[in-house]
Amino acid sequence: MTTTLYGIPNCDTVKKARTWLADNGHDFTFHDFKKQGLTRELVAGWLVQLDWETLVNRKGTTWRNLPDERKAQITDKNSALELMLENPSVIKRPVLQGVGPVSVGFSADAYAAKFRDAA
């Protein structure tokens, strides 16, 4: 399976993850989910491996700018899936797929362990 890093290019955490992957010699594809979009099948697959509360970034600007009524509607996996498809910027970044289980966020130690365990 191809290693794919999902996110948006101007996100600092995504930049750190991309730099780490390149500096450590890992081939990967970058998928800008704002420009390239996301499919229902892809996000639903993430939700099989990750809790929706892990994927939805409630600390970000996108979440904070949602109307309170819309936030109140996000109560389960299905409502979170619809929100993430409507507004991909609400997804916690980056999402790494193709090396063990899908993961969200970045830390050099976690990525090193992930690639070491996959070897």
N, C-alpha and C. Protein backbone atom coordinates (compact mmCIF):
# COMPACT_ATOMS: atom_id res chain seq x y z
N MET A 1 0.84 -1.18 0.00
CA MET A 1 0.00 0.00 0.00
C MET A 1 0.89 1.25 0.00
N THR A 2 0.47 2.24 -0.75
CA THR A 2 1.19 3.50 -0.82
C THR A 2 0.99 4.27 0.47
N THR A 3 2.05 4.93 0.92
CA THR A 3 1.96 5.81 2.07
C THR A 3 1.42 7.14 1.59
N THR A 4 0.34 7.60 2.21
CA THR A 4 -0.27 8.87 1.84
C THR A 4 -0.42 9.74 3.07
N LEU A 5 -0.01 10.99 2.93
CA LEU A 5 -0.17 11.98 3.98
C LEU A 5 -1.27 12.93 3.52
N TYR A 6 -2.33 13.01 4.32
CA TYR A 6 -3.47 13.87 4.00
C TYR A 6 -3.41 15.12 4.87
N GLY A 7 -3.69 16.26 4.25
CA GLY A 7 -3.72 17.50 5.00
C GLY A 7 -3.83 18.68 4.07
N ILE A 8 -3.41 19.83 4.56
CA ILE A 8 -3.35 21.04 3.74
C ILE A 8 -1.92 21.57 3.83
N PRO A 9 -1.40 22.08 2.72
CA PRO A 9 0.03 22.41 2.66
C PRO A 9 0.47 23.53 3.59
N ASN A 10 -0.41 24.46 3.95
CA ASN A 10 0.02 25.58 4.77
C ASN A 10 -0.10 25.31 6.28
N CYS A 11 -0.51 24.12 6.67
CA CYS A 11 -0.61 23.73 8.08
C CYS A 11 0.80 23.42 8.60
N ASP A 12 1.18 24.05 9.70
CA ASP A 12 2.53 23.85 10.26
C ASP A 12 2.80 22.40 10.62
N THR A 13 1.83 21.71 11.18
CA THR A 13 2.03 20.32 11.57
C THR A 13 2.20 19.44 10.34
N VAL A 14 1.45 19.72 9.29
CA VAL A 14 1.60 18.97 8.03
C VAL A 14 2.99 19.23 7.45
N LYS A 15 3.44 20.47 7.50
CA LYS A 15 4.79 20.80 7.00
C LYS A 15 5.85 20.00 7.75
N LYS A 16 5.71 19.91 9.07
CA LYS A 16 6.67 19.15 9.87
C LYS A 16 6.66 17.67 9.49
N ALA A 17 5.47 17.12 9.29
CA ALA A 17 5.35 15.71 8.91
C ALA A 17 5.97 15.46 7.53
N ARG A 18 5.69 16.35 6.59
CA ARG A 18 6.25 16.20 5.24
C ARG A 18 7.77 16.27 5.27
N THR A 19 8.29 17.21 6.04
CA THR A 19 9.74 17.35 6.16
C THR A 19 10.35 16.10 6.80
N TRP A 20 9.73 15.60 7.87
CA TRP A 20 10.25 14.40 8.53
C TRP A 20 10.26 13.21 7.57
N LEU A 21 9.17 13.01 6.85
CA LEU A 21 9.10 11.89 5.91
C LEU A 21 10.19 12.00 4.84
N ALA A 22 10.36 13.18 4.28
CA ALA A 22 11.37 13.38 3.24
C ALA A 22 12.79 13.21 3.81
N ASP A 23 13.04 13.82 4.96
CA ASP A 23 14.38 13.75 5.58
C ASP A 23 14.76 12.34 5.99
N ASN A 24 13.75 11.51 6.25
CA ASN A 24 14.02 10.13 6.67
C ASN A 24 13.87 9.11 5.54
N GLY A 25 13.78 9.62 4.31
CA GLY A 25 13.80 8.76 3.13
C GLY A 25 12.56 7.93 2.90
N HIS A 26 11.42 8.39 3.36
CA HIS A 26 10.18 7.64 3.16
C HIS A 26 9.42 8.20 1.96
N ASP A 27 9.13 7.31 1.01
CA ASP A 27 8.33 7.71 -0.14
C ASP A 27 6.88 7.86 0.30
N PHE A 28 6.27 8.95 -0.11
CA PHE A 28 4.87 9.18 0.24
C PHE A 28 4.23 10.08 -0.80
N THR A 29 2.93 10.01 -0.83
CA THR A 29 2.13 10.90 -1.67
C THR A 29 1.46 11.89 -0.74
N PHE A 30 1.48 13.16 -1.12
CA PHE A 30 0.76 14.16 -0.34
C PHE A 30 -0.58 14.42 -1.01
N HIS A 31 -1.64 14.39 -0.22
CA HIS A 31 -3.00 14.63 -0.72
C HIS A 31 -3.55 15.87 -0.01
N ASP A 32 -3.68 16.95 -0.77
CA ASP A 32 -4.25 18.19 -0.25
C ASP A 32 -5.76 18.04 -0.27
N PHE A 33 -6.35 17.78 0.90
CA PHE A 33 -7.77 17.47 0.88
C PHE A 33 -8.67 18.68 0.68
N LYS A 34 -8.13 19.87 0.74
CA LYS A 34 -8.94 21.03 0.39
C LYS A 34 -9.06 21.15 -1.13
N LYS A 35 -7.95 20.90 -1.82
CA LYS A 35 -7.96 21.02 -3.29
C LYS A 35 -8.42 19.74 -3.97
N GLN A 36 -7.99 18.59 -3.44
CA GLN A 36 -8.28 17.32 -4.08
C GLN A 36 -9.53 16.64 -3.54
N GLY A 37 -10.03 17.13 -2.43
CA GLY A 37 -11.24 16.57 -1.85
C GLY A 37 -11.02 15.24 -1.15
N LEU A 38 -12.10 14.74 -0.60
CA LEU A 38 -12.10 13.46 0.11
C LEU A 38 -13.34 12.69 -0.29
N THR A 39 -13.22 11.39 -0.39
CA THR A 39 -14.38 10.57 -0.70
C THR A 39 -15.02 10.07 0.59
N ARG A 40 -16.28 9.78 0.50
CA ARG A 40 -17.01 9.21 1.64
C ARG A 40 -16.36 7.90 2.07
N GLU A 41 -15.94 7.08 1.11
CA GLU A 41 -15.34 5.78 1.41
C GLU A 41 -14.03 5.95 2.19
N LEU A 42 -13.23 6.93 1.79
CA LEU A 42 -11.95 7.15 2.46
C LEU A 42 -12.16 7.56 3.91
N VAL A 43 -12.97 8.58 4.14
CA VAL A 43 -13.19 9.06 5.50
C VAL A 43 -13.90 8.00 6.34
N ALA A 44 -14.84 7.28 5.76
CA ALA A 44 -15.51 6.19 6.48
C ALA A 44 -14.49 5.12 6.88
N GLY A 45 -13.52 4.85 6.01
CA GLY A 45 -12.45 3.91 6.35
C GLY A 45 -11.61 4.38 7.51
N TRP A 46 -11.33 5.67 7.55
CA TRP A 46 -10.59 6.22 8.70
C TRP A 46 -11.38 6.01 9.97
N LEU A 47 -12.70 6.20 9.86
CA LEU A 47 -13.56 6.09 11.04
C LEU A 47 -13.72 4.65 11.53
N VAL A 48 -13.33 3.68 10.73
CA VAL A 48 -13.31 2.30 11.19
C VAL A 48 -12.13 2.11 12.15
N GLN A 49 -11.03 2.82 11.87
CA GLN A 49 -9.81 2.67 12.66
C GLN A 49 -9.66 3.71 13.77
N LEU A 50 -10.30 4.86 13.60
CA LEU A 50 -10.15 5.95 14.55
C LEU A 50 -11.52 6.42 15.04
N ASP A 51 -11.57 6.85 16.27
CA ASP A 51 -12.79 7.42 16.80
C ASP A 51 -13.04 8.78 16.15
N TRP A 52 -14.30 9.11 15.91
CA TRP A 52 -14.61 10.38 15.25
C TRP A 52 -14.11 11.57 16.07
N GLU A 53 -14.07 11.41 17.38
CA GLU A 53 -13.61 12.51 18.23
C GLU A 53 -12.11 12.75 18.09
N THR A 54 -11.39 11.75 17.60
CA THR A 54 -9.97 11.92 17.31
C THR A 54 -9.79 12.68 16.00
N LEU A 55 -10.64 12.40 15.02
CA LEU A 55 -10.52 13.02 13.70
C LEU A 55 -11.03 14.46 13.64
N VAL A 56 -12.05 14.77 14.39
CA VAL A 56 -12.62 16.12 14.35
C VAL A 56 -11.81 17.02 15.28
N ASN A 57 -11.24 18.07 14.70
CA ASN A 57 -10.41 18.99 15.46
C ASN A 57 -11.28 20.07 16.09
N ARG A 58 -11.63 19.87 17.34
CA ARG A 58 -12.50 20.82 18.03
C ARG A 58 -11.74 22.02 18.58
N LYS A 59 -10.44 22.03 18.41
CA LYS A 59 -9.65 23.17 18.89
C LYS A 59 -9.33 24.15 17.76
N GLY A 60 -9.60 23.75 16.53
CA GLY A 60 -9.23 24.56 15.38
C GLY A 60 -10.21 25.67 15.06
N THR A 61 -9.77 26.57 14.23
CA THR A 61 -10.57 27.72 13.81
C THR A 61 -11.84 27.28 13.08
N THR A 62 -11.72 26.27 12.25
CA THR A 62 -12.89 25.83 11.48
C THR A 62 -14.02 25.41 12.42
N TRP A 63 -13.69 24.61 13.43
CA TRP A 63 -14.71 24.17 14.40
C TRP A 63 -15.27 25.37 15.15
N ARG A 64 -14.39 26.24 15.62
CA ARG A 64 -14.83 27.39 16.40
C ARG A 64 -15.74 28.31 15.60
N ASN A 65 -15.55 28.36 14.28
CA ASN A 65 -16.36 29.23 13.44
C ASN A 65 -17.70 28.61 13.03
N LEU A 66 -17.90 27.34 13.35
CA LEU A 66 -19.19 26.72 13.05
C LEU A 66 -20.26 27.30 13.96
N PRO A 67 -21.48 27.44 13.45
CA PRO A 67 -22.57 27.87 14.34
C PRO A 67 -22.77 26.84 15.45
N ASP A 68 -23.17 27.32 16.62
CA ASP A 68 -23.38 26.43 17.76
C ASP A 68 -24.37 25.31 17.43
N GLU A 69 -25.39 25.63 16.63
CA GLU A 69 -26.39 24.61 16.27
C GLU A 69 -25.72 23.47 15.48
N ARG A 70 -24.79 23.84 14.59
CA ARG A 70 -24.10 22.83 13.78
C ARG A 70 -23.20 21.98 14.67
N LYS A 71 -22.48 22.61 15.58
CA LYS A 71 -21.62 21.86 16.50
C LYS A 71 -22.44 20.86 17.31
N ALA A 72 -23.61 21.29 17.76
CA ALA A 72 -24.46 20.44 18.59
C ALA A 72 -24.95 19.22 17.82
N GLN A 73 -24.97 19.29 16.49
CA GLN A 73 -25.44 18.16 15.68
C GLN A 73 -24.39 17.06 15.55
N ILE A 74 -23.15 17.34 15.89
CA ILE A 74 -22.07 16.37 15.74
C ILE A 74 -21.99 15.53 17.02
N THR A 75 -22.67 14.40 16.98
CA THR A 75 -22.80 13.57 18.17
C THR A 75 -22.35 12.13 17.99
N ASP A 76 -22.05 11.75 16.74
CA ASP A 76 -21.66 10.36 16.48
C ASP A 76 -20.85 10.28 15.20
N LYS A 77 -20.46 9.06 14.86
CA LYS A 77 -19.63 8.82 13.69
C LYS A 77 -20.28 9.32 12.40
N ASN A 78 -21.58 9.07 12.24
CA ASN A 78 -22.25 9.47 11.00
C ASN A 78 -22.34 10.98 10.84
N SER A 79 -22.68 11.68 11.91
CA SER A 79 -22.78 13.13 11.81
C SER A 79 -21.38 13.75 11.63
N ALA A 80 -20.37 13.15 12.24
CA ALA A 80 -19.00 13.64 12.06
C ALA A 80 -18.54 13.39 10.63
N LEU A 81 -18.89 12.26 10.05
CA LEU A 81 -18.53 11.96 8.67
C LEU A 81 -19.11 13.02 7.74
N GLU A 82 -20.37 13.35 7.91
CA GLU A 82 -21.00 14.37 7.06
C GLU A 82 -20.29 15.71 7.21
N LEU A 83 -19.96 16.09 8.44
CA LEU A 83 -19.26 17.35 8.67
C LEU A 83 -17.90 17.36 7.99
N MET A 84 -17.14 16.28 8.11
CA MET A 84 -15.81 16.21 7.51
C MET A 84 -15.86 16.26 5.99
N LEU A 85 -16.91 15.69 5.40
CA LEU A 85 -17.06 15.76 3.96
C LEU A 85 -17.46 17.16 3.51
N GLU A 86 -18.32 17.81 4.28
CA GLU A 86 -18.75 19.18 3.97
C GLU A 86 -17.61 20.16 4.16
N ASN A 87 -16.78 19.92 5.18
CA ASN A 87 -15.79 20.89 5.58
C ASN A 87 -14.50 20.18 5.99
N PRO A 88 -13.68 19.76 5.02
CA PRO A 88 -12.47 18.98 5.34
C PRO A 88 -11.50 19.68 6.29
N SER A 89 -11.57 21.00 6.36
CA SER A 89 -10.65 21.73 7.25
C SER A 89 -10.89 21.42 8.72
N VAL A 90 -12.02 20.78 9.04
CA VAL A 90 -12.30 20.44 10.44
C VAL A 90 -11.56 19.16 10.87
N ILE A 91 -10.93 18.48 9.91
CA ILE A 91 -10.21 17.24 10.23
C ILE A 91 -8.86 17.58 10.85
N LYS A 92 -8.54 16.90 11.94
CA LYS A 92 -7.24 17.06 12.60
C LYS A 92 -6.18 16.58 11.62
N ARG A 93 -5.08 17.31 11.54
CA ARG A 93 -4.06 17.02 10.54
C ARG A 93 -2.70 16.78 11.19
N PRO A 94 -1.86 16.08 10.41
CA PRO A 94 -2.12 15.33 9.20
C PRO A 94 -2.67 13.95 9.51
N VAL A 95 -3.25 13.34 8.48
CA VAL A 95 -3.68 11.95 8.57
C VAL A 95 -2.67 11.14 7.74
N LEU A 96 -2.10 10.12 8.35
CA LEU A 96 -1.12 9.27 7.67
C LEU A 96 -1.73 7.89 7.47
N GLN A 97 -1.74 7.45 6.21
CA GLN A 97 -2.31 6.15 5.88
C GLN A 97 -1.31 5.35 5.07
N GLY A 98 -1.27 4.05 5.32
CA GLY A 98 -0.42 3.16 4.53
C GLY A 98 0.75 2.59 5.28
N VAL A 99 0.92 3.01 6.54
CA VAL A 99 1.98 2.47 7.40
C VAL A 99 1.31 2.06 8.70
N GLY A 100 0.94 0.79 8.80
CA GLY A 100 0.21 0.35 9.98
C GLY A 100 -1.16 1.02 10.04
N PRO A 101 -1.73 1.12 11.22
CA PRO A 101 -3.05 1.76 11.34
C PRO A 101 -2.98 3.24 10.97
N VAL A 102 -4.10 3.77 10.52
CA VAL A 102 -4.20 5.19 10.20
C VAL A 102 -3.89 5.98 11.47
N SER A 103 -3.14 7.07 11.31
CA SER A 103 -2.83 7.91 12.47
C SER A 103 -3.10 9.37 12.15
N VAL A 104 -3.29 10.13 13.22
CA VAL A 104 -3.60 11.55 13.10
C VAL A 104 -2.60 12.33 13.93
N GLY A 105 -2.19 13.49 13.42
CA GLY A 105 -1.24 14.33 14.13
C GLY A 105 0.18 13.93 13.77
N PHE A 106 1.14 14.64 14.33
CA PHE A 106 2.54 14.34 14.04
C PHE A 106 3.40 14.51 15.27
N SER A 107 4.27 13.55 15.48
CA SER A 107 5.42 13.70 16.37
C SER A 107 6.51 12.85 15.76
N ALA A 108 7.73 13.34 15.79
CA ALA A 108 8.84 12.62 15.20
C ALA A 108 8.99 11.24 15.83
N ASP A 109 8.84 11.15 17.15
CA ASP A 109 8.97 9.87 17.84
C ASP A 109 7.89 8.88 17.40
N ALA A 110 6.66 9.35 17.28
CA ALA A 110 5.56 8.46 16.88
C ALA A 110 5.76 7.98 15.44
N TYR A 111 6.19 8.87 14.55
CA TYR A 111 6.43 8.46 13.16
C TYR A 111 7.59 7.47 13.09
N ALA A 112 8.66 7.73 13.84
CA ALA A 112 9.81 6.81 13.83
C ALA A 112 9.37 5.42 14.29
N ALA A 113 8.57 5.36 15.36
CA ALA A 113 8.09 4.07 15.85
C ALA A 113 7.18 3.40 14.83
N LYS A 114 6.32 4.17 14.22
CA LYS A 114 5.38 3.65 13.25
C LYS A 114 6.12 3.00 12.07
N PHE A 115 7.11 3.68 11.54
CA PHE A 115 7.87 3.13 10.40
C PHE A 115 8.77 1.98 10.83
N ARG A 116 9.28 2.04 12.03
CA ARG A 116 10.13 0.94 12.53
C ARG A 116 9.28 -0.32 12.70
N ASP A 117 8.08 -0.16 13.26
CA ASP A 117 7.19 -1.30 13.47
C ASP A 117 6.70 -1.90 12.15
N ALA A 118 6.59 -1.06 11.13
CA ALA A 118 6.08 -1.53 9.83
C ALA A 118 7.17 -2.23 9.01
N ALA A 119 8.42 -2.03 9.40
CA ALA A 119 9.53 -2.60 8.61
C ALA A 119 9.63 -4.11 8.75
